[in-house]
Full PDB file with SEQRES, HELIX, SHEET, SSBOND, CRYST1, ORIGX, SCALE, CONECT and MASTER records, all heavy atoms in Angstrom:
SEQRES   1 A   32  ARG PHE PRO PHE ARG VAL LEU GLY GLU ILE PRO ILE TYR          
SEQRES   2 A   32  PRO ASP GLY SER PHE GLN VAL GLU VAL PRO SER ASP VAL          
SEQRES   3 A   32  PRO LEU ALA LEU GLN LEU                                      
CRYST1    1.000    1.000    1.000  90.00  90.00  90.00 P 1           1          
ORIGX1      1.000000  0.000000  0.000000        0.00000                         
ORIGX2      0.000000  1.000000  0.000000        0.00000                         
ORIGX3      0.000000  0.000000  1.000000        0.00000                         
SCALE1      1.000000  0.000000  0.000000        0.00000                         
SCALE2      0.000000  1.000000  0.000000        0.00000                         
SCALE3      0.000000  0.000000  1.000000        0.00000                         
ATOM      1  N   ARG A   1     -19.711 -46.699 139.921  1.00  0.00           N  
ATOM      2  CA  ARG A   1     -20.272 -45.925 141.006  1.00  0.00           C  
ATOM      3  C   ARG A   1     -21.792 -46.023 141.026  1.00  0.00           C  
ATOM      4  O   ARG A   1     -22.420 -46.003 142.072  1.00  0.00           O  
ATOM      5  CB  ARG A   1     -19.848 -44.466 140.845  1.00  0.00           C  
ATOM      6  CG  ARG A   1     -20.325 -43.560 141.977  1.00  0.00           C  
ATOM      7  CD  ARG A   1     -19.856 -42.143 141.736  1.00  0.00           C  
ATOM      8  NE  ARG A   1     -20.311 -41.254 142.779  1.00  0.00           N  
ATOM      9  CZ  ARG A   1     -20.149 -39.940 142.747  1.00  0.00           C  
ATOM     10  NH1 ARG A   1     -19.531 -39.400 141.726  1.00  0.00           N  
ATOM     11  NH2 ARG A   1     -20.586 -39.175 143.728  1.00  0.00           N  
ATOM     12  N   PHE A   2     -22.418 -46.107 139.866  1.00  0.00           N  
ATOM     13  CA  PHE A   2     -23.857 -46.236 139.765  1.00  0.00           C  
ATOM     14  C   PHE A   2     -24.160 -47.632 139.227  1.00  0.00           C  
ATOM     15  O   PHE A   2     -24.206 -47.842 138.015  1.00  0.00           O  
ATOM     16  CB  PHE A   2     -24.429 -45.169 138.843  1.00  0.00           C  
ATOM     17  CG  PHE A   2     -23.885 -43.810 139.101  1.00  0.00           C  
ATOM     18  CD1 PHE A   2     -23.203 -43.121 138.131  1.00  0.00           C  
ATOM     19  CD2 PHE A   2     -24.029 -43.229 140.352  1.00  0.00           C  
ATOM     20  CE1 PHE A   2     -22.689 -41.869 138.379  1.00  0.00           C  
ATOM     21  CE2 PHE A   2     -23.510 -41.984 140.606  1.00  0.00           C  
ATOM     22  CZ  PHE A   2     -22.845 -41.290 139.622  1.00  0.00           C  
ATOM     23  N   PRO A   3     -24.352 -48.612 140.099  1.00  0.00           N  
ATOM     24  CA  PRO A   3     -24.520 -49.977 139.605  1.00  0.00           C  
ATOM     25  C   PRO A   3     -25.818 -50.132 138.826  1.00  0.00           C  
ATOM     26  O   PRO A   3     -26.864 -49.621 139.213  1.00  0.00           O  
ATOM     27  CB  PRO A   3     -24.534 -50.803 140.900  1.00  0.00           C  
ATOM     28  CG  PRO A   3     -24.945 -49.849 141.966  1.00  0.00           C  
ATOM     29  CD  PRO A   3     -24.413 -48.523 141.555  1.00  0.00           C  
ATOM     30  N   PHE A   4     -25.722 -50.835 137.700  1.00  0.00           N  
ATOM     31  CA  PHE A   4     -26.899 -51.095 136.885  1.00  0.00           C  
ATOM     32  C   PHE A   4     -26.715 -52.401 136.147  1.00  0.00           C  
ATOM     33  O   PHE A   4     -25.638 -52.992 136.127  1.00  0.00           O  
ATOM     34  CB  PHE A   4     -27.143 -49.953 135.888  1.00  0.00           C  
ATOM     35  CG  PHE A   4     -25.986 -49.658 134.971  1.00  0.00           C  
ATOM     36  CD1 PHE A   4     -25.755 -50.417 133.835  1.00  0.00           C  
ATOM     37  CD2 PHE A   4     -25.121 -48.603 135.236  1.00  0.00           C  
ATOM     38  CE1 PHE A   4     -24.692 -50.138 132.996  1.00  0.00           C  
ATOM     39  CE2 PHE A   4     -24.060 -48.309 134.401  1.00  0.00           C  
ATOM     40  CZ  PHE A   4     -23.847 -49.076 133.276  1.00  0.00           C  
ATOM     41  N   ARG A   5     -27.783 -52.857 135.544  1.00  0.00           N  
ATOM     42  CA  ARG A   5     -27.711 -54.034 134.686  1.00  0.00           C  
ATOM     43  C   ARG A   5     -28.368 -53.709 133.359  1.00  0.00           C  
ATOM     44  O   ARG A   5     -29.195 -52.785 133.259  1.00  0.00           O  
ATOM     45  CB  ARG A   5     -28.407 -55.223 135.335  1.00  0.00           C  
ATOM     46  CG  ARG A   5     -29.894 -55.042 135.564  1.00  0.00           C  
ATOM     47  CD  ARG A   5     -30.504 -56.349 136.030  1.00  0.00           C  
ATOM     48  NE  ARG A   5     -31.912 -56.208 136.349  1.00  0.00           N  
ATOM     49  CZ  ARG A   5     -32.743 -57.249 136.394  1.00  0.00           C  
ATOM     50  NH1 ARG A   5     -32.311 -58.466 136.132  1.00  0.00           N  
ATOM     51  NH2 ARG A   5     -34.012 -57.056 136.707  1.00  0.00           N  
ATOM     52  N   VAL A   6     -27.994 -54.444 132.328  1.00  0.00           N  
ATOM     53  CA  VAL A   6     -28.540 -54.240 130.986  1.00  0.00           C  
ATOM     54  C   VAL A   6     -29.802 -55.074 130.847  1.00  0.00           C  
ATOM     55  O   VAL A   6     -29.791 -56.289 131.048  1.00  0.00           O  
ATOM     56  CB  VAL A   6     -27.516 -54.631 129.912  1.00  0.00           C  
ATOM     57  CG1 VAL A   6     -28.120 -54.453 128.528  1.00  0.00           C  
ATOM     58  CG2 VAL A   6     -26.256 -53.789 130.054  1.00  0.00           C  
ATOM     59  N   LEU A   7     -30.908 -54.417 130.493  1.00  0.00           N  
ATOM     60  CA  LEU A   7     -32.158 -55.140 130.268  1.00  0.00           C  
ATOM     61  C   LEU A   7     -32.260 -55.676 128.850  1.00  0.00           C  
ATOM     62  O   LEU A   7     -32.850 -56.725 128.620  1.00  0.00           O  
ATOM     63  CB  LEU A   7     -33.352 -54.223 130.552  1.00  0.00           C  
ATOM     64  CG  LEU A   7     -33.555 -53.799 132.010  1.00  0.00           C  
ATOM     65  CD1 LEU A   7     -34.805 -52.941 132.127  1.00  0.00           C  
ATOM     66  CD2 LEU A   7     -33.651 -55.003 132.917  1.00  0.00           C  
ATOM     67  N   GLY A   8     -31.696 -54.953 127.885  1.00  0.00           N  
ATOM     68  CA  GLY A   8     -31.765 -55.418 126.503  1.00  0.00           C  
ATOM     69  C   GLY A   8     -31.462 -54.305 125.523  1.00  0.00           C  
ATOM     70  O   GLY A   8     -31.199 -53.159 125.911  1.00  0.00           O  
ATOM     71  N   GLU A   9     -31.502 -54.633 124.237  1.00  0.00           N  
ATOM     72  CA  GLU A   9     -31.221 -53.684 123.166  1.00  0.00           C  
ATOM     73  C   GLU A   9     -32.261 -53.852 122.062  1.00  0.00           C  
ATOM     74  O   GLU A   9     -32.771 -54.951 121.836  1.00  0.00           O  
ATOM     75  CB  GLU A   9     -29.819 -53.905 122.593  1.00  0.00           C  
ATOM     76  CG  GLU A   9     -28.689 -53.673 123.593  1.00  0.00           C  
ATOM     77  CD  GLU A   9     -27.318 -53.963 123.006  1.00  0.00           C  
ATOM     78  OE1 GLU A   9     -27.269 -54.558 121.906  1.00  0.00           O  
ATOM     79  OE2 GLU A   9     -26.307 -53.594 123.637  1.00  0.00           O  
ATOM     80  N   ILE A  10     -32.571 -52.746 121.382  1.00  0.00           N  
ATOM     81  CA  ILE A  10     -33.469 -52.772 120.231  1.00  0.00           C  
ATOM     82  C   ILE A  10     -32.858 -51.917 119.129  1.00  0.00           C  
ATOM     83  O   ILE A  10     -32.035 -51.034 119.400  1.00  0.00           O  
ATOM     84  CB  ILE A  10     -34.877 -52.251 120.578  1.00  0.00           C  
ATOM     85  CG1 ILE A  10     -34.798 -50.780 121.026  1.00  0.00           C  
ATOM     86  CG2 ILE A  10     -35.542 -53.100 121.643  1.00  0.00           C  
ATOM     87  CD1 ILE A  10     -36.141 -50.092 121.076  1.00  0.00           C  
ATOM     88  N   PRO A  11     -33.237 -52.145 117.865  1.00  0.00           N  
ATOM     89  CA  PRO A  11     -32.694 -51.321 116.778  1.00  0.00           C  
ATOM     90  C   PRO A  11     -33.329 -49.939 116.743  1.00  0.00           C  
ATOM     91  O   PRO A  11     -34.484 -49.753 117.127  1.00  0.00           O  
ATOM     92  CB  PRO A  11     -33.055 -52.132 115.522  1.00  0.00           C  
ATOM     93  CG  PRO A  11     -34.263 -52.926 115.924  1.00  0.00           C  
ATOM     94  CD  PRO A  11     -34.081 -53.258 117.373  1.00  0.00           C  
ATOM     95  N   ILE A  12     -32.546 -48.966 116.280  1.00  0.00           N  
ATOM     96  CA  ILE A  12     -33.043 -47.621 115.994  1.00  0.00           C  
ATOM     97  C   ILE A  12     -33.432 -47.577 114.517  1.00  0.00           C  
ATOM     98  O   ILE A  12     -32.684 -48.031 113.652  1.00  0.00           O  
ATOM     99  CB  ILE A  12     -31.963 -46.559 116.285  1.00  0.00           C  
ATOM    100  CG1 ILE A  12     -31.624 -46.529 117.771  1.00  0.00           C  
ATOM    101  CG2 ILE A  12     -32.411 -45.184 115.806  1.00  0.00           C  
ATOM    102  CD1 ILE A  12     -32.668 -45.926 118.653  1.00  0.00           C  
ATOM    103  N   TYR A  13     -34.590 -47.014 114.227  1.00  0.00           N  
ATOM    104  CA  TYR A  13     -35.037 -46.931 112.836  1.00  0.00           C  
ATOM    105  C   TYR A  13     -34.265 -45.840 112.085  1.00  0.00           C  
ATOM    106  O   TYR A  13     -33.678 -44.940 112.709  1.00  0.00           O  
ATOM    107  CB  TYR A  13     -36.537 -46.652 112.792  1.00  0.00           C  
ATOM    108  CG  TYR A  13     -37.361 -47.887 113.080  1.00  0.00           C  
ATOM    109  CD1 TYR A  13     -37.586 -48.298 114.390  1.00  0.00           C  
ATOM    110  CD2 TYR A  13     -37.878 -48.654 112.044  1.00  0.00           C  
ATOM    111  CE1 TYR A  13     -38.329 -49.444 114.667  1.00  0.00           C  
ATOM    112  CE2 TYR A  13     -38.622 -49.796 112.302  1.00  0.00           C  
ATOM    113  CZ  TYR A  13     -38.839 -50.186 113.615  1.00  0.00           C  
ATOM    114  OH  TYR A  13     -39.557 -51.321 113.881  1.00  0.00           O  
ATOM    115  N   PRO A  14     -34.230 -45.902 110.748  1.00  0.00           N  
ATOM    116  CA  PRO A  14     -33.418 -44.950 109.978  1.00  0.00           C  
ATOM    117  C   PRO A  14     -33.738 -43.481 110.270  1.00  0.00           C  
ATOM    118  O   PRO A  14     -32.853 -42.625 110.182  1.00  0.00           O  
ATOM    119  CB  PRO A  14     -33.744 -45.311 108.519  1.00  0.00           C  
ATOM    120  CG  PRO A  14     -34.087 -46.773 108.579  1.00  0.00           C  
ATOM    121  CD  PRO A  14     -34.810 -46.957 109.879  1.00  0.00           C  
ATOM    122  N   ASP A  15     -35.003 -43.179 110.620  1.00  0.00           N  
ATOM    123  CA  ASP A  15     -35.351 -41.791 110.913  1.00  0.00           C  
ATOM    124  C   ASP A  15     -35.016 -41.401 112.351  1.00  0.00           C  
ATOM    125  O   ASP A  15     -35.315 -40.281 112.775  1.00  0.00           O  
ATOM    126  CB  ASP A  15     -36.818 -41.527 110.620  1.00  0.00           C  
ATOM    127  CG  ASP A  15     -37.756 -42.295 111.563  1.00  0.00           C  
ATOM    128  OD1 ASP A  15     -37.278 -43.234 112.248  1.00  0.00           O  
ATOM    129  OD2 ASP A  15     -38.954 -41.971 111.607  1.00  0.00           O  
ATOM    130  N   GLY A  16     -34.403 -42.323 113.111  1.00  0.00           N  
ATOM    131  CA  GLY A  16     -34.021 -42.041 114.489  1.00  0.00           C  
ATOM    132  C   GLY A  16     -35.084 -42.369 115.512  1.00  0.00           C  
ATOM    133  O   GLY A  16     -34.892 -42.115 116.708  1.00  0.00           O  
ATOM    134  N   SER A  17     -36.192 -42.954 115.115  1.00  0.00           N  
ATOM    135  CA  SER A  17     -37.293 -43.231 116.040  1.00  0.00           C  
ATOM    136  C   SER A  17     -37.151 -44.621 116.655  1.00  0.00           C  
ATOM    137  O   SER A  17     -36.440 -45.487 116.151  1.00  0.00           O  
ATOM    138  CB  SER A  17     -38.634 -43.124 115.323  1.00  0.00           C  
ATOM    139  OG  SER A  17     -38.754 -44.123 114.309  1.00  0.00           O  
ATOM    140  N   PHE A  18     -37.843 -44.821 117.763  1.00  0.00           N  
ATOM    141  CA  PHE A  18     -37.965 -46.141 118.371  1.00  0.00           C  
ATOM    142  C   PHE A  18     -39.200 -46.158 119.247  1.00  0.00           C  
ATOM    143  O   PHE A  18     -39.734 -45.112 119.649  1.00  0.00           O  
ATOM    144  CB  PHE A  18     -36.729 -46.496 119.205  1.00  0.00           C  
ATOM    145  CG  PHE A  18     -36.522 -45.655 120.442  1.00  0.00           C  
ATOM    146  CD1 PHE A  18     -37.215 -45.904 121.627  1.00  0.00           C  
ATOM    147  CD2 PHE A  18     -35.613 -44.604 120.431  1.00  0.00           C  
ATOM    148  CE1 PHE A  18     -37.014 -45.129 122.759  1.00  0.00           C  
ATOM    149  CE2 PHE A  18     -35.409 -43.821 121.568  1.00  0.00           C  
ATOM    150  CZ  PHE A  18     -36.115 -44.087 122.738  1.00  0.00           C  
ATOM    151  N   GLN A  19     -39.703 -47.344 119.518  1.00  0.00           N  
ATOM    152  CA  GLN A  19     -40.692 -47.547 120.560  1.00  0.00           C  
ATOM    153  C   GLN A  19     -40.461 -48.927 121.158  1.00  0.00           C  
ATOM    154  O   GLN A  19     -40.079 -49.868 120.465  1.00  0.00           O  
ATOM    155  CB  GLN A  19     -42.118 -47.391 120.047  1.00  0.00           C  
ATOM    156  CG  GLN A  19     -42.600 -48.449 119.078  1.00  0.00           C  
ATOM    157  CD  GLN A  19     -44.118 -48.416 118.925  1.00  0.00           C  
ATOM    158  OE1 GLN A  19     -44.833 -47.908 119.789  1.00  0.00           O  
ATOM    159  NE2 GLN A  19     -44.615 -48.955 117.822  1.00  0.00           N  
ATOM    160  N   VAL A  20     -40.690 -49.036 122.465  1.00  0.00           N  
ATOM    161  CA  VAL A  20     -40.357 -50.267 123.158  1.00  0.00           C  
ATOM    162  C   VAL A  20     -41.159 -50.343 124.454  1.00  0.00           C  
ATOM    163  O   VAL A  20     -41.439 -49.320 125.080  1.00  0.00           O  
ATOM    164  CB  VAL A  20     -38.835 -50.330 123.461  1.00  0.00           C  
ATOM    165  CG1 VAL A  20     -38.393 -49.153 124.304  1.00  0.00           C  
ATOM    166  CG2 VAL A  20     -38.457 -51.638 124.119  1.00  0.00           C  
ATOM    167  N   GLU A  21     -41.561 -51.541 124.833  1.00  0.00           N  
ATOM    168  CA  GLU A  21     -42.181 -51.762 126.133  1.00  0.00           C  
ATOM    169  C   GLU A  21     -41.090 -52.099 127.145  1.00  0.00           C  
ATOM    170  O   GLU A  21     -40.243 -52.960 126.898  1.00  0.00           O  
ATOM    171  CB  GLU A  21     -43.209 -52.900 126.064  1.00  0.00           C  
ATOM    172  CG  GLU A  21     -44.456 -52.544 125.274  1.00  0.00           C  
ATOM    173  CD  GLU A  21     -45.523 -53.625 125.362  1.00  0.00           C  
ATOM    174  OE1 GLU A  21     -45.310 -54.607 126.108  1.00  0.00           O  
ATOM    175  OE2 GLU A  21     -46.560 -53.498 124.697  1.00  0.00           O  
ATOM    176  N   VAL A  22     -41.116 -51.395 128.281  1.00  0.00           N  
ATOM    177  CA  VAL A  22     -40.094 -51.559 129.305  1.00  0.00           C  
ATOM    178  C   VAL A  22     -40.765 -51.809 130.654  1.00  0.00           C  
ATOM    179  O   VAL A  22     -41.949 -51.496 130.833  1.00  0.00           O  
ATOM    180  CB  VAL A  22     -39.191 -50.305 129.392  1.00  0.00           C  
ATOM    181  CG1 VAL A  22     -38.394 -50.126 128.116  1.00  0.00           C  
ATOM    182  CG2 VAL A  22     -40.028 -49.062 129.694  1.00  0.00           C  
ATOM    183  N   PRO A  23     -40.034 -52.377 131.624  1.00  0.00           N  
ATOM    184  CA  PRO A  23     -40.623 -52.615 132.945  1.00  0.00           C  
ATOM    185  C   PRO A  23     -41.067 -51.308 133.596  1.00  0.00           C  
ATOM    186  O   PRO A  23     -40.399 -50.273 133.475  1.00  0.00           O  
ATOM    187  CB  PRO A  23     -39.490 -53.274 133.731  1.00  0.00           C  
ATOM    188  CG  PRO A  23     -38.553 -53.808 132.698  1.00  0.00           C  
ATOM    189  CD  PRO A  23     -38.663 -52.897 131.533  1.00  0.00           C  
ATOM    190  N   SER A  24     -42.186 -51.340 134.285  1.00  0.00           N  
ATOM    191  CA  SER A  24     -42.687 -50.155 134.972  1.00  0.00           C  
ATOM    192  C   SER A  24     -42.135 -50.063 136.388  1.00  0.00           C  
ATOM    193  O   SER A  24     -41.732 -51.066 136.991  1.00  0.00           O  
ATOM    194  CB  SER A  24     -44.218 -50.180 135.020  1.00  0.00           C  
ATOM    195  OG  SER A  24     -44.678 -51.333 135.712  1.00  0.00           O  
ATOM    196  N   ASP A  25     -42.095 -48.841 136.898  1.00  0.00           N  
ATOM    197  CA  ASP A  25     -41.739 -48.555 138.288  1.00  0.00           C  
ATOM    198  C   ASP A  25     -40.358 -49.065 138.677  1.00  0.00           C  
ATOM    199  O   ASP A  25     -40.148 -49.572 139.782  1.00  0.00           O  
ATOM    200  CB  ASP A  25     -42.797 -49.110 139.242  1.00  0.00           C  
ATOM    201  CG  ASP A  25     -44.106 -48.334 139.157  1.00  0.00           C  
ATOM    202  OD1 ASP A  25     -44.048 -47.091 139.176  1.00  0.00           O  
ATOM    203  OD2 ASP A  25     -45.171 -48.958 139.062  1.00  0.00           O  
ATOM    204  N   VAL A  26     -39.397 -48.942 137.749  1.00  0.00           N  
ATOM    205  CA  VAL A  26     -37.990 -49.199 138.062  1.00  0.00           C  
ATOM    206  C   VAL A  26     -37.179 -48.063 137.445  1.00  0.00           C  
ATOM    207  O   VAL A  26     -37.565 -47.500 136.415  1.00  0.00           O  
ATOM    208  CB  VAL A  26     -37.495 -50.559 137.523  1.00  0.00           C  
ATOM    209  CG1 VAL A  26     -38.224 -51.709 138.190  1.00  0.00           C  
ATOM    210  CG2 VAL A  26     -37.640 -50.646 136.009  1.00  0.00           C  
ATOM    211  N   PRO A  27     -36.050 -47.680 138.051  1.00  0.00           N  
ATOM    212  CA  PRO A  27     -35.222 -46.623 137.465  1.00  0.00           C  
ATOM    213  C   PRO A  27     -34.514 -47.111 136.206  1.00  0.00           C  
ATOM    214  O   PRO A  27     -33.824 -48.138 136.218  1.00  0.00           O  
ATOM    215  CB  PRO A  27     -34.225 -46.280 138.579  1.00  0.00           C  
ATOM    216  CG  PRO A  27     -34.230 -47.456 139.497  1.00  0.00           C  
ATOM    217  CD  PRO A  27     -35.562 -48.106 139.377  1.00  0.00           C  
ATOM    218  N   LEU A  28     -34.681 -46.367 135.113  1.00  0.00           N  
ATOM    219  CA  LEU A  28     -34.157 -46.755 133.806  1.00  0.00           C  
ATOM    220  C   LEU A  28     -33.257 -45.655 133.246  1.00  0.00           C  
ATOM    221  O   LEU A  28     -33.385 -44.486 133.601  1.00  0.00           O  
ATOM    222  CB  LEU A  28     -35.293 -47.006 132.817  1.00  0.00           C  
ATOM    223  CG  LEU A  28     -36.334 -48.065 133.176  1.00  0.00           C  
ATOM    224  CD1 LEU A  28     -37.489 -48.011 132.186  1.00  0.00           C  
ATOM    225  CD2 LEU A  28     -35.707 -49.447 133.191  1.00  0.00           C  
ATOM    226  N   ALA A  29     -32.370 -46.048 132.347  1.00  0.00           N  
ATOM    227  CA  ALA A  29     -31.570 -45.113 131.556  1.00  0.00           C  
ATOM    228  C   ALA A  29     -31.380 -45.715 130.175  1.00  0.00           C  
ATOM    229  O   ALA A  29     -31.505 -46.929 129.985  1.00  0.00           O  
ATOM    230  CB  ALA A  29     -30.222 -44.820 132.221  1.00  0.00           C  
ATOM    231  N   LEU A  30     -31.069 -44.871 129.211  1.00  0.00           N  
ATOM    232  CA  LEU A  30     -30.925 -45.303 127.824  1.00  0.00           C  
ATOM    233  C   LEU A  30     -29.532 -44.948 127.312  1.00  0.00           C  
ATOM    234  O   LEU A  30     -28.985 -43.888 127.646  1.00  0.00           O  
ATOM    235  CB  LEU A  30     -31.973 -44.630 126.930  1.00  0.00           C  
ATOM    236  CG  LEU A  30     -33.426 -44.760 127.367  1.00  0.00           C  
ATOM    237  CD1 LEU A  30     -34.326 -43.963 126.430  1.00  0.00           C  
ATOM    238  CD2 LEU A  30     -33.857 -46.222 127.408  1.00  0.00           C  
ATOM    239  N   GLN A  31     -28.968 -45.827 126.481  1.00  0.00           N  
ATOM    240  CA  GLN A  31     -27.708 -45.550 125.794  1.00  0.00           C  
ATOM    241  C   GLN A  31     -27.929 -45.660 124.297  1.00  0.00           C  
ATOM    242  O   GLN A  31     -28.621 -46.576 123.825  1.00  0.00           O  
ATOM    243  CB  GLN A  31     -26.625 -46.543 126.223  1.00  0.00           C  
ATOM    244  CG  GLN A  31     -26.131 -46.363 127.649  1.00  0.00           C  
ATOM    245  CD  GLN A  31     -25.015 -47.324 128.011  1.00  0.00           C  
ATOM    246  OE1 GLN A  31     -24.839 -48.361 127.380  1.00  0.00           O  
ATOM    247  NE2 GLN A  31     -24.245 -46.983 129.048  1.00  0.00           N  
ATOM    248  N   LEU A  32     -27.324 -44.733 123.546  1.00  0.00           N  
ATOM    249  CA  LEU A  32     -27.353 -44.776 122.088  1.00  0.00           C  
ATOM    250  C   LEU A  32     -26.058 -45.411 121.601  1.00  0.00           C  
ATOM    251  O   LEU A  32     -24.966 -44.961 121.953  1.00  0.00           O  
ATOM    252  CB  LEU A  32     -27.505 -43.371 121.515  1.00  0.00           C  
ATOM    253  CG  LEU A  32     -28.779 -42.608 121.914  1.00  0.00           C  
ATOM    254  CD1 LEU A  32     -28.797 -41.237 121.260  1.00  0.00           C  
ATOM    255  CD2 LEU A  32     -30.027 -43.406 121.566  1.00  0.00           C  
TER     256      LEU A  32                                                      
MASTER        0    0    0    0    0    0    0    6  255    1    0    3          
END                                                                             
């Protein structure tokens, strides 16, 4: 119902943190 595409995946660090550069000015969502 909500069409999307996968941009990519990165690892989560052991403490649960992450940082990543993502495209600007596009609608994004995150999955764990």
